[in-house]
Amino acid sequence: MGFRKKIKKYAETPISRHLVLESLSEYKSPNDKISELIKNEELISIRRGLYIAGPETDLPTPEPFLIANHLRGPSYVSLESALSYWNIIPERAYEISSVTIKSSKLYKTPVGRFSYKQLKTPYYSYGIKNVQYSPKQTILIASPEKALCDKIVLTPKINLRSVKQTQEFLMEDLRIDSDVLNTLNTKIIELWIENAPKKSSLNMLIKTLREL
C-alpha cells in the first residue's frame, strides 16, 4: 500500500511524526523517506514532528484554524482571527491569531503564519467554542465575546477608562458596527471579570455595550 493510501484517513488533521513513521515501517531508513516525501511535496512539515499532506497527494488538508489548534497546544483561535470569523470586524485576518497557556510564539510555516499570545487560567478557559468544520474537523475558537475581551486584554497600552474612549476603540479602531456590538452578551462577560486581566477595562466594555 502506498503512502497516500496509508495517510488518507488522517489527511484532514495535522499528522504526527509517530503516524508518519508507522506508515513507513517497511522502509529501512524512514527518516530518509520522510525527507524524500517533503522534497516531492507529498508531505509538508509545519513544525518539527508535525505534518500535513502535500499537494502531490491530492488529499484534503486541515483548515488553517485546525492547524493552529495543533501547532501549539493547548490553544484556541482568538483575537482578529476569531473576530473576523464571527463577522465582528470587516477585515480578513491573514495571520492566524491564537491564545495559549504556554509562552507566546510565532510560527512561519509553508501554509501561513500562526501567532500565539499567552493567557493564564482560569480566564484562559472561558468562552471557548467547538465548531465543526467537517465530519473530521472540529476547531477550538473563542466566542465573539471572548475574542473581543482577549483583544482588549492582550493589546498593549489599551486601558479603557470612559465610554467615549471605549466606543472609539470599538467603532473606529476595530471598525465594529454598532448593530453587531448590540448582539454581544454582556452577562457572560460579567462572569469572567473576577479572574480576568484588565478588570476595569472589561467593566468599561460592559458599561459601553449596555449604553449603546
N, C-alpha and C. Protein backbone atom coordinates (compact mmCIF):
# COMPACT_ATOMS: atom_id res chain seq x y z
N MET A 1 0.84 -1.20 0.00
CA MET A 1 0.00 0.00 0.00
C MET A 1 0.88 1.25 0.00
N GLY A 2 0.56 2.21 -0.88
CA GLY A 2 1.35 3.42 -0.99
C GLY A 2 1.14 4.37 0.16
N PHE A 3 2.05 5.34 0.25
CA PHE A 3 1.99 6.33 1.35
C PHE A 3 0.66 7.08 1.34
N ARG A 4 0.19 7.45 0.15
CA ARG A 4 -1.05 8.21 0.05
C ARG A 4 -2.22 7.46 0.68
N LYS A 5 -2.35 6.18 0.36
CA LYS A 5 -3.45 5.38 0.90
C LYS A 5 -3.34 5.24 2.41
N LYS A 6 -2.12 5.13 2.90
CA LYS A 6 -1.92 4.93 4.34
C LYS A 6 -2.29 6.16 5.16
N ILE A 7 -2.08 7.35 4.58
CA ILE A 7 -2.38 8.55 5.37
C ILE A 7 -3.73 9.17 5.03
N LYS A 8 -4.43 8.59 4.06
CA LYS A 8 -5.68 9.19 3.58
C LYS A 8 -6.67 9.47 4.71
N LYS A 9 -6.84 8.53 5.63
CA LYS A 9 -7.84 8.71 6.69
C LYS A 9 -7.42 9.74 7.73
N TYR A 10 -6.13 10.14 7.71
CA TYR A 10 -5.65 11.15 8.66
C TYR A 10 -5.49 12.53 8.02
N ALA A 11 -5.74 12.62 6.71
CA ALA A 11 -5.32 13.80 5.95
C ALA A 11 -6.01 15.10 6.38
N GLU A 12 -7.20 15.01 6.96
CA GLU A 12 -7.91 16.24 7.34
C GLU A 12 -7.49 16.78 8.70
N THR A 13 -6.49 16.18 9.29
CA THR A 13 -5.92 16.72 10.53
C THR A 13 -4.40 16.73 10.39
N PRO A 14 -3.69 17.59 11.15
CA PRO A 14 -2.24 17.51 11.15
C PRO A 14 -1.79 16.11 11.59
N ILE A 15 -0.74 15.63 10.96
CA ILE A 15 -0.28 14.25 11.17
C ILE A 15 1.01 14.25 11.99
N SER A 16 1.02 13.48 13.05
CA SER A 16 2.20 13.42 13.92
C SER A 16 3.31 12.60 13.28
N ARG A 17 4.52 12.84 13.73
CA ARG A 17 5.67 12.08 13.23
C ARG A 17 5.49 10.59 13.52
N HIS A 18 4.89 10.29 14.65
CA HIS A 18 4.65 8.90 15.01
C HIS A 18 3.81 8.19 13.95
N LEU A 19 2.74 8.85 13.49
CA LEU A 19 1.88 8.25 12.47
C LEU A 19 2.59 8.12 11.13
N VAL A 20 3.39 9.13 10.80
CA VAL A 20 4.14 9.06 9.54
C VAL A 20 5.12 7.90 9.58
N LEU A 21 5.85 7.76 10.69
CA LEU A 21 6.81 6.65 10.82
C LEU A 21 6.11 5.30 10.78
N GLU A 22 4.93 5.25 11.36
CA GLU A 22 4.15 4.00 11.35
C GLU A 22 3.78 3.62 9.92
N SER A 23 3.45 4.61 9.10
CA SER A 23 3.07 4.33 7.71
C SER A 23 4.27 3.97 6.84
N LEU A 24 5.47 4.25 7.37
CA LEU A 24 6.70 3.96 6.61
C LEU A 24 7.49 2.83 7.25
N SER A 25 6.82 1.99 8.01
CA SER A 25 7.51 0.96 8.79
C SER A 25 8.27 -0.06 7.94
N GLU A 26 7.87 -0.19 6.66
CA GLU A 26 8.55 -1.18 5.82
C GLU A 26 9.88 -0.65 5.28
N TYR A 27 10.16 0.64 5.46
CA TYR A 27 11.41 1.23 4.97
C TYR A 27 12.53 1.07 6.00
N LYS A 28 13.74 0.75 5.50
CA LYS A 28 14.90 0.62 6.40
C LYS A 28 15.30 1.96 6.99
N SER A 29 15.14 3.05 6.20
CA SER A 29 15.51 4.39 6.66
C SER A 29 14.29 5.31 6.51
N PRO A 30 13.33 5.19 7.44
CA PRO A 30 12.12 6.00 7.32
C PRO A 30 12.38 7.50 7.36
N ASN A 31 13.41 7.93 8.09
CA ASN A 31 13.73 9.36 8.14
C ASN A 31 14.15 9.88 6.77
N ASP A 32 14.90 9.06 6.04
CA ASP A 32 15.29 9.45 4.68
C ASP A 32 14.05 9.51 3.78
N LYS A 33 13.12 8.60 4.00
CA LYS A 33 11.89 8.59 3.20
C LYS A 33 11.05 9.83 3.50
N ILE A 34 11.01 10.25 4.76
CA ILE A 34 10.29 11.47 5.12
C ILE A 34 10.88 12.67 4.37
N SER A 35 12.20 12.76 4.34
CA SER A 35 12.87 13.84 3.61
C SER A 35 12.51 13.81 2.13
N GLU A 36 12.43 12.61 1.57
CA GLU A 36 12.07 12.45 0.16
C GLU A 36 10.62 12.88 -0.08
N LEU A 37 9.73 12.51 0.82
CA LEU A 37 8.31 12.88 0.69
C LEU A 37 8.13 14.39 0.76
N ILE A 38 8.90 15.04 1.63
CA ILE A 38 8.84 16.51 1.74
C ILE A 38 9.36 17.15 0.45
N LYS A 39 10.47 16.63 -0.05
CA LYS A 39 11.06 17.15 -1.28
C LYS A 39 10.10 17.00 -2.45
N ASN A 40 9.36 15.87 -2.49
CA ASN A 40 8.43 15.60 -3.59
C ASN A 40 7.05 16.23 -3.37
N GLU A 41 6.91 17.00 -2.30
CA GLU A 41 5.66 17.68 -1.96
C GLU A 41 4.50 16.73 -1.71
N GLU A 42 4.83 15.54 -1.21
CA GLU A 42 3.80 14.61 -0.76
C GLU A 42 3.51 14.83 0.73
N LEU A 43 4.41 15.54 1.38
CA LEU A 43 4.30 15.82 2.81
C LEU A 43 4.83 17.23 3.03
N ILE A 44 4.15 17.98 3.90
CA ILE A 44 4.61 19.32 4.27
C ILE A 44 4.89 19.35 5.76
N SER A 45 6.07 19.76 6.13
CA SER A 45 6.42 19.90 7.55
C SER A 45 5.99 21.28 8.02
N ILE A 46 5.09 21.33 9.02
CA ILE A 46 4.64 22.62 9.53
C ILE A 46 5.36 23.01 10.83
N ARG A 47 5.94 22.06 11.47
CA ARG A 47 6.91 22.27 12.55
C ARG A 47 7.54 20.92 12.84
N ARG A 48 8.56 20.91 13.67
CA ARG A 48 9.24 19.66 13.98
C ARG A 48 8.24 18.64 14.55
N GLY A 49 8.13 17.51 13.85
CA GLY A 49 7.27 16.43 14.34
C GLY A 49 5.81 16.54 13.96
N LEU A 50 5.45 17.52 13.09
CA LEU A 50 4.05 17.68 12.71
C LEU A 50 3.96 18.01 11.21
N TYR A 51 3.07 17.30 10.52
CA TYR A 51 3.00 17.40 9.07
C TYR A 51 1.54 17.49 8.59
N ILE A 52 1.39 17.92 7.34
CA ILE A 52 0.11 17.78 6.65
C ILE A 52 0.39 17.17 5.27
N ALA A 53 -0.64 16.60 4.67
CA ALA A 53 -0.47 16.03 3.34
C ALA A 53 -0.11 17.11 2.34
N GLY A 54 0.83 16.80 1.46
CA GLY A 54 1.28 17.77 0.47
C GLY A 54 0.41 17.78 -0.77
N PRO A 55 0.57 18.78 -1.64
CA PRO A 55 -0.29 18.90 -2.84
C PRO A 55 -0.19 17.72 -3.78
N GLU A 56 0.95 17.04 -3.82
CA GLU A 56 1.11 15.92 -4.74
C GLU A 56 0.26 14.71 -4.38
N THR A 57 -0.23 14.66 -3.14
CA THR A 57 -1.09 13.53 -2.75
C THR A 57 -2.53 13.75 -3.20
N ASP A 58 -2.87 15.01 -3.51
CA ASP A 58 -4.24 15.36 -3.90
C ASP A 58 -5.26 14.92 -2.84
N LEU A 59 -4.88 15.08 -1.57
CA LEU A 59 -5.78 14.74 -0.47
C LEU A 59 -6.29 16.02 0.19
N PRO A 60 -7.45 15.97 0.85
CA PRO A 60 -7.92 17.15 1.58
C PRO A 60 -6.97 17.47 2.71
N THR A 61 -6.84 18.74 3.04
CA THR A 61 -5.92 19.15 4.11
C THR A 61 -6.70 19.85 5.22
N PRO A 62 -6.12 19.96 6.41
CA PRO A 62 -6.82 20.61 7.52
C PRO A 62 -7.05 22.09 7.25
N GLU A 63 -8.16 22.61 7.80
CA GLU A 63 -8.40 24.04 7.77
C GLU A 63 -7.31 24.74 8.59
N PRO A 64 -6.94 25.98 8.22
CA PRO A 64 -5.89 26.69 8.96
C PRO A 64 -6.16 26.80 10.45
N PHE A 65 -7.43 26.97 10.85
CA PHE A 65 -7.74 27.08 12.28
C PHE A 65 -7.43 25.76 13.01
N LEU A 66 -7.68 24.63 12.35
CA LEU A 66 -7.37 23.34 12.97
C LEU A 66 -5.85 23.16 13.08
N ILE A 67 -5.13 23.60 12.05
CA ILE A 67 -3.66 23.57 12.11
C ILE A 67 -3.19 24.40 13.31
N ALA A 68 -3.80 25.57 13.49
CA ALA A 68 -3.43 26.43 14.62
C ALA A 68 -3.63 25.74 15.96
N ASN A 69 -4.74 25.01 16.09
CA ASN A 69 -5.01 24.28 17.33
C ASN A 69 -3.94 23.25 17.63
N HIS A 70 -3.40 22.63 16.57
CA HIS A 70 -2.42 21.55 16.75
C HIS A 70 -0.97 22.04 16.85
N LEU A 71 -0.67 23.17 16.22
CA LEU A 71 0.71 23.66 16.20
C LEU A 71 1.25 23.91 17.60
N ARG A 72 0.41 24.51 18.43
CA ARG A 72 0.83 24.82 19.80
C ARG A 72 -0.38 24.62 20.71
N GLY A 73 -0.33 23.58 21.51
CA GLY A 73 -1.48 23.29 22.34
C GLY A 73 -1.11 23.21 23.82
N PRO A 74 -2.07 23.44 24.69
CA PRO A 74 -3.45 23.78 24.36
C PRO A 74 -3.56 25.22 23.85
N SER A 75 -4.47 25.43 22.93
CA SER A 75 -4.68 26.77 22.40
C SER A 75 -6.05 26.84 21.74
N TYR A 76 -6.51 28.04 21.48
CA TYR A 76 -7.74 28.25 20.71
C TYR A 76 -7.56 29.49 19.85
N VAL A 77 -8.22 29.54 18.72
CA VAL A 77 -8.16 30.68 17.80
C VAL A 77 -8.91 31.85 18.44
N SER A 78 -8.32 33.04 18.39
CA SER A 78 -8.96 34.20 19.03
C SER A 78 -8.53 35.48 18.32
N LEU A 79 -8.70 36.60 19.02
CA LEU A 79 -8.26 37.92 18.55
C LEU A 79 -8.84 38.21 17.17
N GLU A 80 -8.06 38.83 16.28
CA GLU A 80 -8.58 39.23 14.96
C GLU A 80 -9.11 38.05 14.16
N SER A 81 -8.47 36.89 14.28
CA SER A 81 -8.91 35.72 13.50
C SER A 81 -10.32 35.30 13.88
N ALA A 82 -10.59 35.24 15.18
CA ALA A 82 -11.94 34.86 15.63
C ALA A 82 -12.94 35.98 15.36
N LEU A 83 -12.53 37.22 15.58
CA LEU A 83 -13.42 38.36 15.33
C LEU A 83 -13.84 38.40 13.85
N SER A 84 -12.91 38.09 12.97
CA SER A 84 -13.21 38.04 11.54
C SER A 84 -14.11 36.85 11.22
N TYR A 85 -13.83 35.71 11.81
CA TYR A 85 -14.63 34.50 11.58
C TYR A 85 -16.10 34.73 11.94
N TRP A 86 -16.33 35.43 13.05
CA TRP A 86 -17.69 35.69 13.52
C TRP A 86 -18.30 36.94 12.85
N ASN A 87 -17.59 37.52 11.91
CA ASN A 87 -18.06 38.73 11.21
C ASN A 87 -18.26 39.91 12.17
N ILE A 88 -17.41 39.98 13.18
CA ILE A 88 -17.45 41.11 14.11
C ILE A 88 -16.67 42.29 13.52
N ILE A 89 -15.52 41.99 12.92
CA ILE A 89 -14.73 43.02 12.24
C ILE A 89 -14.79 42.77 10.74
N PRO A 90 -14.71 43.83 9.93
CA PRO A 90 -14.84 43.65 8.48
C PRO A 90 -13.60 43.07 7.80
N GLU A 91 -12.43 43.26 8.42
CA GLU A 91 -11.19 42.82 7.77
C GLU A 91 -11.00 41.31 7.89
N ARG A 92 -10.40 40.75 6.86
CA ARG A 92 -9.99 39.35 6.92
C ARG A 92 -8.62 39.29 7.58
N ALA A 93 -8.45 38.34 8.49
CA ALA A 93 -7.17 38.20 9.18
C ALA A 93 -6.28 37.23 8.39
N TYR A 94 -5.11 37.71 7.97
CA TYR A 94 -4.21 36.88 7.16
C TYR A 94 -3.27 36.04 8.02
N GLU A 95 -3.01 36.48 9.24
CA GLU A 95 -2.23 35.68 10.19
C GLU A 95 -3.21 35.05 11.16
N ILE A 96 -3.07 33.77 11.43
CA ILE A 96 -3.98 33.10 12.36
C ILE A 96 -3.51 33.40 13.79
N SER A 97 -4.35 34.10 14.54
CA SER A 97 -4.01 34.51 15.91
C SER A 97 -4.70 33.59 16.91
N SER A 98 -3.92 33.09 17.86
CA SER A 98 -4.46 32.19 18.87
C SER A 98 -4.01 32.61 20.25
N VAL A 99 -4.64 32.00 21.25
CA VAL A 99 -4.28 32.20 22.65
C VAL A 99 -3.89 30.84 23.22
N THR A 100 -2.87 30.83 24.07
CA THR A 100 -2.37 29.60 24.67
C THR A 100 -2.01 29.84 26.13
N ILE A 101 -1.92 28.76 26.89
CA ILE A 101 -1.42 28.90 28.26
C ILE A 101 0.11 28.83 28.28
N LYS A 102 0.70 28.45 27.15
CA LYS A 102 2.16 28.40 27.04
C LYS A 102 2.70 29.80 26.71
N SER A 103 4.00 29.89 26.55
CA SER A 103 4.62 31.19 26.22
C SER A 103 4.21 31.64 24.82
N SER A 104 4.25 32.95 24.59
CA SER A 104 3.90 33.50 23.28
C SER A 104 4.89 33.01 22.22
N LYS A 105 4.41 32.81 21.00
CA LYS A 105 5.29 32.29 19.95
C LYS A 105 4.71 32.61 18.58
N LEU A 106 5.58 32.70 17.58
CA LEU A 106 5.17 32.88 16.19
C LEU A 106 5.77 31.76 15.34
N TYR A 107 4.93 31.11 14.56
CA TYR A 107 5.38 30.09 13.62
C TYR A 107 5.21 30.61 12.20
N LYS A 108 6.25 30.56 11.42
CA LYS A 108 6.18 30.86 10.00
C LYS A 108 6.29 29.53 9.27
N THR A 109 5.19 29.09 8.68
CA THR A 109 5.13 27.76 8.07
C THR A 109 4.89 27.88 6.57
N PRO A 110 5.06 26.79 5.83
CA PRO A 110 4.76 26.82 4.39
C PRO A 110 3.29 27.11 4.09
N VAL A 111 2.41 27.00 5.10
CA VAL A 111 0.99 27.23 4.87
C VAL A 111 0.48 28.48 5.59
N GLY A 112 1.40 29.33 6.06
CA GLY A 112 0.98 30.59 6.67
C GLY A 112 1.65 30.86 8.00
N ARG A 113 1.31 32.04 8.55
CA ARG A 113 1.86 32.48 9.84
C ARG A 113 0.82 32.23 10.93
N PHE A 114 1.32 31.74 12.06
CA PHE A 114 0.46 31.42 13.20
C PHE A 114 1.08 32.04 14.45
N SER A 115 0.35 32.97 15.07
CA SER A 115 0.87 33.62 16.27
C SER A 115 0.07 33.19 17.49
N TYR A 116 0.77 33.16 18.62
CA TYR A 116 0.17 32.72 19.89
C TYR A 116 0.52 33.72 20.99
N LYS A 117 -0.50 34.14 21.74
CA LYS A 117 -0.31 35.02 22.88
C LYS A 117 -0.70 34.26 24.14
N GLN A 118 0.02 34.53 25.21
CA GLN A 118 -0.21 33.78 26.45
C GLN A 118 -1.27 34.43 27.33
N LEU A 119 -2.16 33.60 27.85
CA LEU A 119 -3.11 33.99 28.90
C LEU A 119 -3.12 32.91 29.97
N LYS A 120 -3.35 33.32 31.19
CA LYS A 120 -3.31 32.36 32.30
C LYS A 120 -4.72 31.86 32.63
N THR A 121 -4.75 30.66 33.20
CA THR A 121 -6.01 30.10 33.69
C THR A 121 -6.35 30.79 35.01
N PRO A 122 -7.63 30.84 35.41
CA PRO A 122 -8.78 30.22 34.73
C PRO A 122 -9.37 31.07 33.60
N TYR A 123 -8.94 32.36 33.49
CA TYR A 123 -9.52 33.21 32.44
C TYR A 123 -9.35 32.59 31.05
N TYR A 124 -8.22 31.96 30.81
CA TYR A 124 -7.95 31.33 29.51
C TYR A 124 -9.10 30.41 29.08
N SER A 125 -9.64 29.66 30.01
CA SER A 125 -10.59 28.58 29.68
C SER A 125 -12.01 29.06 29.42
N TYR A 126 -12.30 30.34 29.63
CA TYR A 126 -13.66 30.83 29.43
C TYR A 126 -13.96 31.07 27.94
N GLY A 127 -15.21 30.88 27.56
CA GLY A 127 -15.68 31.29 26.24
C GLY A 127 -15.06 30.60 25.06
N ILE A 128 -14.66 29.34 25.21
CA ILE A 128 -14.10 28.58 24.08
C ILE A 128 -15.20 27.73 23.47
N LYS A 129 -15.34 27.82 22.15
CA LYS A 129 -16.37 27.07 21.45
C LYS A 129 -15.77 25.98 20.57
N ASN A 130 -16.49 24.87 20.45
CA ASN A 130 -16.16 23.82 19.48
C ASN A 130 -17.00 24.07 18.23
N VAL A 131 -16.34 24.25 17.11
CA VAL A 131 -17.05 24.46 15.84
C VAL A 131 -16.66 23.35 14.87
N GLN A 132 -17.65 22.66 14.34
CA GLN A 132 -17.38 21.57 13.40
C GLN A 132 -17.30 22.10 11.99
N TYR A 133 -16.10 22.02 11.40
CA TYR A 133 -15.88 22.44 10.01
C TYR A 133 -16.35 21.37 9.04
N SER A 134 -16.07 20.13 9.41
CA SER A 134 -16.42 18.98 8.57
C SER A 134 -16.53 17.78 9.51
N PRO A 135 -16.99 16.64 9.02
CA PRO A 135 -17.12 15.47 9.90
C PRO A 135 -15.82 15.11 10.64
N LYS A 136 -14.68 15.45 10.05
CA LYS A 136 -13.41 15.09 10.68
C LYS A 136 -12.66 16.29 11.26
N GLN A 137 -13.24 17.49 11.17
CA GLN A 137 -12.53 18.69 11.62
C GLN A 137 -13.38 19.51 12.59
N THR A 138 -12.97 19.52 13.84
CA THR A 138 -13.61 20.34 14.86
C THR A 138 -12.57 21.28 15.44
N ILE A 139 -12.83 22.58 15.38
CA ILE A 139 -11.84 23.56 15.84
C ILE A 139 -12.25 24.16 17.18
N LEU A 140 -11.25 24.64 17.90
CA LEU A 140 -11.46 25.39 19.13
C LEU A 140 -11.27 26.87 18.81
N ILE A 141 -12.30 27.67 19.09
CA ILE A 141 -12.26 29.08 18.75
C ILE A 141 -12.96 29.89 19.84
N ALA A 142 -12.49 31.09 20.08
CA ALA A 142 -13.13 31.97 21.06
C ALA A 142 -14.51 32.38 20.59
N SER A 143 -15.45 32.48 21.52
CA SER A 143 -16.76 33.05 21.20
C SER A 143 -16.56 34.52 20.80
N PRO A 144 -17.54 35.15 20.17
CA PRO A 144 -17.39 36.57 19.82
C PRO A 144 -17.03 37.43 21.03
N GLU A 145 -17.69 37.18 22.17
CA GLU A 145 -17.42 37.97 23.38
C GLU A 145 -16.00 37.73 23.89
N LYS A 146 -15.56 36.46 23.88
CA LYS A 146 -14.22 36.16 24.41
C LYS A 146 -13.15 36.72 23.48
N ALA A 147 -13.36 36.63 22.18
CA ALA A 147 -12.38 37.16 21.23
C ALA A 147 -12.19 38.66 21.43
N LEU A 148 -13.29 39.38 21.67
CA LEU A 148 -13.20 40.82 21.90
C LEU A 148 -12.51 41.12 23.23
N CYS A 149 -12.86 40.37 24.26
CA CYS A 149 -12.19 40.56 25.56
C CYS A 149 -10.70 40.26 25.46
N ASP A 150 -10.36 39.19 24.75
CA ASP A 150 -8.94 38.85 24.56
C ASP A 150 -8.21 39.98 23.84
N LYS A 151 -8.88 40.58 22.85
CA LYS A 151 -8.27 41.68 22.11
C LYS A 151 -7.96 42.85 23.03
N ILE A 152 -8.88 43.16 23.92
CA ILE A 152 -8.67 44.26 24.88
C ILE A 152 -7.57 43.90 25.87
N VAL A 153 -7.64 42.69 26.39
CA VAL A 153 -6.68 42.24 27.41
C VAL A 153 -5.25 42.17 26.85
N LEU A 154 -5.12 41.74 25.60
CA LEU A 154 -3.79 41.47 25.04
C LEU A 154 -3.22 42.60 24.18
N THR A 155 -3.98 43.69 24.01
CA THR A 155 -3.45 44.83 23.26
C THR A 155 -2.70 45.75 24.21
N PRO A 156 -1.39 45.91 24.03
CA PRO A 156 -0.61 46.77 24.93
C PRO A 156 -1.13 48.21 24.92
N LYS A 157 -1.07 48.82 26.07
CA LYS A 157 -1.41 50.24 26.25
C LYS A 157 -2.90 50.55 26.07
N ILE A 158 -3.72 49.53 25.97
CA ILE A 158 -5.17 49.78 25.92
C ILE A 158 -5.73 49.65 27.34
N ASN A 159 -6.13 50.78 27.90
CA ASN A 159 -6.80 50.82 29.19
C ASN A 159 -8.04 51.68 29.02
N LEU A 160 -9.18 51.03 29.01
CA LEU A 160 -10.43 51.72 28.73
C LEU A 160 -10.96 52.38 30.00
N ARG A 161 -11.05 53.73 29.95
CA ARG A 161 -11.42 54.47 31.17
C ARG A 161 -12.72 55.26 31.03
N SER A 162 -13.28 55.32 29.82
CA SER A 162 -14.53 56.05 29.62
C SER A 162 -15.34 55.41 28.50
N VAL A 163 -16.61 55.70 28.50
CA VAL A 163 -17.49 55.18 27.46
C VAL A 163 -17.07 55.71 26.09
N LYS A 164 -16.74 57.00 26.03
CA LYS A 164 -16.32 57.60 24.76
C LYS A 164 -15.07 56.94 24.21
N GLN A 165 -14.08 56.74 25.07
CA GLN A 165 -12.83 56.10 24.64
C GLN A 165 -13.11 54.67 24.16
N THR A 166 -13.96 53.97 24.88
CA THR A 166 -14.29 52.58 24.51
C THR A 166 -15.02 52.53 23.18
N GLN A 167 -15.96 53.44 22.97
CA GLN A 167 -16.66 53.50 21.68
C GLN A 167 -15.70 53.76 20.54
N GLU A 168 -14.75 54.66 20.75
CA GLU A 168 -13.75 54.96 19.71
C GLU A 168 -12.90 53.73 19.40
N PHE A 169 -12.51 53.02 20.44
CA PHE A 169 -11.71 51.80 20.24
C PHE A 169 -12.49 50.76 19.45
N LEU A 170 -13.75 50.55 19.82
CA LEU A 170 -14.56 49.52 19.18
C LEU A 170 -14.97 49.91 17.76
N MET A 171 -15.44 51.14 17.59
CA MET A 171 -16.04 51.52 16.30
C MET A 171 -15.06 52.15 15.32
N GLU A 172 -14.02 52.79 15.82
CA GLU A 172 -13.05 53.43 14.93
C GLU A 172 -11.80 52.57 14.74
N ASP A 173 -11.22 52.12 15.85
CA ASP A 173 -10.00 51.31 15.74
C ASP A 173 -10.30 49.92 15.17
N LEU A 174 -11.31 49.25 15.75
CA LEU A 174 -11.65 47.90 15.30
C LEU A 174 -12.69 47.90 14.19
N ARG A 175 -13.37 49.02 13.98
CA ARG A 175 -14.38 49.17 12.93
C ARG A 175 -15.54 48.18 13.10
N ILE A 176 -16.00 48.03 14.34
CA ILE A 176 -17.14 47.17 14.61
C ILE A 176 -18.41 48.00 14.52
N ASP A 177 -19.38 47.50 13.81
CA ASP A 177 -20.65 48.19 13.64
C ASP A 177 -21.46 48.13 14.94
N SER A 178 -22.19 49.20 15.25
CA SER A 178 -22.96 49.26 16.49
C SER A 178 -24.02 48.16 16.56
N ASP A 179 -24.61 47.80 15.41
CA ASP A 179 -25.60 46.72 15.39
C ASP A 179 -24.98 45.39 15.81
N VAL A 180 -23.74 45.19 15.41
CA VAL A 180 -23.02 43.97 15.79
C VAL A 180 -22.72 43.99 17.29
N LEU A 181 -22.29 45.13 17.79
CA LEU A 181 -21.99 45.26 19.22
C LEU A 181 -23.22 44.96 20.07
N ASN A 182 -24.39 45.32 19.57
CA ASN A 182 -25.64 45.07 20.30
C ASN A 182 -25.98 43.60 20.43
N THR A 183 -25.34 42.76 19.64
CA THR A 183 -25.62 41.32 19.72
C THR A 183 -24.79 40.63 20.80
N LEU A 184 -23.78 41.31 21.34
CA LEU A 184 -22.87 40.69 22.31
C LEU A 184 -23.53 40.56 23.68
N ASN A 185 -23.23 39.46 24.34
CA ASN A 185 -23.84 39.12 25.62
C ASN A 185 -22.98 39.65 26.77
N THR A 186 -23.42 40.74 27.39
CA THR A 186 -22.63 41.34 28.48
C THR A 186 -22.69 40.51 29.75
N LYS A 187 -23.76 39.75 29.90
CA LYS A 187 -23.89 38.94 31.13
C LYS A 187 -22.81 37.86 31.20
N ILE A 188 -22.49 37.28 30.04
CA ILE A 188 -21.45 36.25 30.03
C ILE A 188 -20.08 36.87 30.34
N ILE A 189 -19.84 38.08 29.82
CA ILE A 189 -18.56 38.75 30.11
C ILE A 189 -18.44 39.03 31.60
N GLU A 190 -19.55 39.41 32.23
CA GLU A 190 -19.55 39.68 33.68
C GLU A 190 -19.05 38.48 34.48
N LEU A 191 -19.37 37.28 34.03
CA LEU A 191 -18.97 36.07 34.75
C LEU A 191 -17.45 35.86 34.72
N TRP A 192 -16.78 36.48 33.73
CA TRP A 192 -15.33 36.28 33.59
C TRP A 192 -14.51 37.31 34.37
N ILE A 193 -15.13 38.43 34.76
CA ILE A 193 -14.39 39.58 35.28
C ILE A 193 -13.51 39.24 36.48
N GLU A 194 -14.03 38.46 37.40
CA GLU A 194 -13.30 38.19 38.65
C GLU A 194 -11.91 37.64 38.40
N ASN A 195 -11.77 36.79 37.39
CA ASN A 195 -10.47 36.15 37.11
C ASN A 195 -9.78 36.72 35.86
N ALA A 196 -10.24 37.86 35.38
CA ALA A 196 -9.70 38.41 34.14
C ALA A 196 -8.62 39.44 34.38
N PRO A 197 -7.65 39.53 33.46
CA PRO A 197 -6.74 40.68 33.48
C PRO A 197 -7.52 41.93 33.05
N LYS A 198 -6.99 43.10 33.34
CA LYS A 198 -7.61 44.37 32.93
C LYS A 198 -9.10 44.43 33.30
N LYS A 199 -9.38 44.13 34.56
CA LYS A 199 -10.78 44.11 35.02
C LYS A 199 -11.51 45.42 34.74
N SER A 200 -10.85 46.54 35.01
CA SER A 200 -11.52 47.84 34.83
C SER A 200 -11.86 48.09 33.36
N SER A 201 -10.98 47.66 32.46
CA SER A 201 -11.25 47.83 31.03
C SER A 201 -12.44 46.97 30.59
N LEU A 202 -12.51 45.76 31.10
CA LEU A 202 -13.62 44.90 30.71
C LEU A 202 -14.93 45.37 31.34
N ASN A 203 -14.86 45.92 32.55
CA ASN A 203 -16.06 46.52 33.14
C ASN A 203 -16.54 47.72 32.31
N MET A 204 -15.59 48.49 31.80
CA MET A 204 -15.95 49.63 30.95
C MET A 204 -16.53 49.15 29.62
N LEU A 205 -16.04 48.04 29.11
CA LEU A 205 -16.61 47.44 27.90
C LEU A 205 -18.07 47.09 28.14
N ILE A 206 -18.35 46.44 29.26
CA ILE A 206 -19.73 46.06 29.59
C ILE A 206 -20.62 47.30 29.67
N LYS A 207 -20.14 48.32 30.37
CA LYS A 207 -20.91 49.56 30.52
C LYS A 207 -21.20 50.18 29.16
N THR A 208 -20.19 50.23 28.31
CA THR A 208 -20.34 50.83 26.98
C THR A 208 -21.34 50.04 26.13
N LEU A 209 -21.25 48.73 26.15
CA LEU A 209 -22.16 47.91 25.36
C LEU A 209 -23.61 48.10 25.81
N ARG A 210 -23.79 48.26 27.10
CA ARG A 210 -25.15 48.43 27.64
C ARG A 210 -25.73 49.82 27.35
N GLU A 211 -24.86 50.77 27.07
CA GLU A 211 -25.34 52.12 26.78
C GLU A 211 -25.56 52.39 25.30
N LEU A 212 -25.21 51.43 24.47
CA LEU A 212 -25.38 51.62 23.02
C LEU A 212 -26.87 51.71 22.65
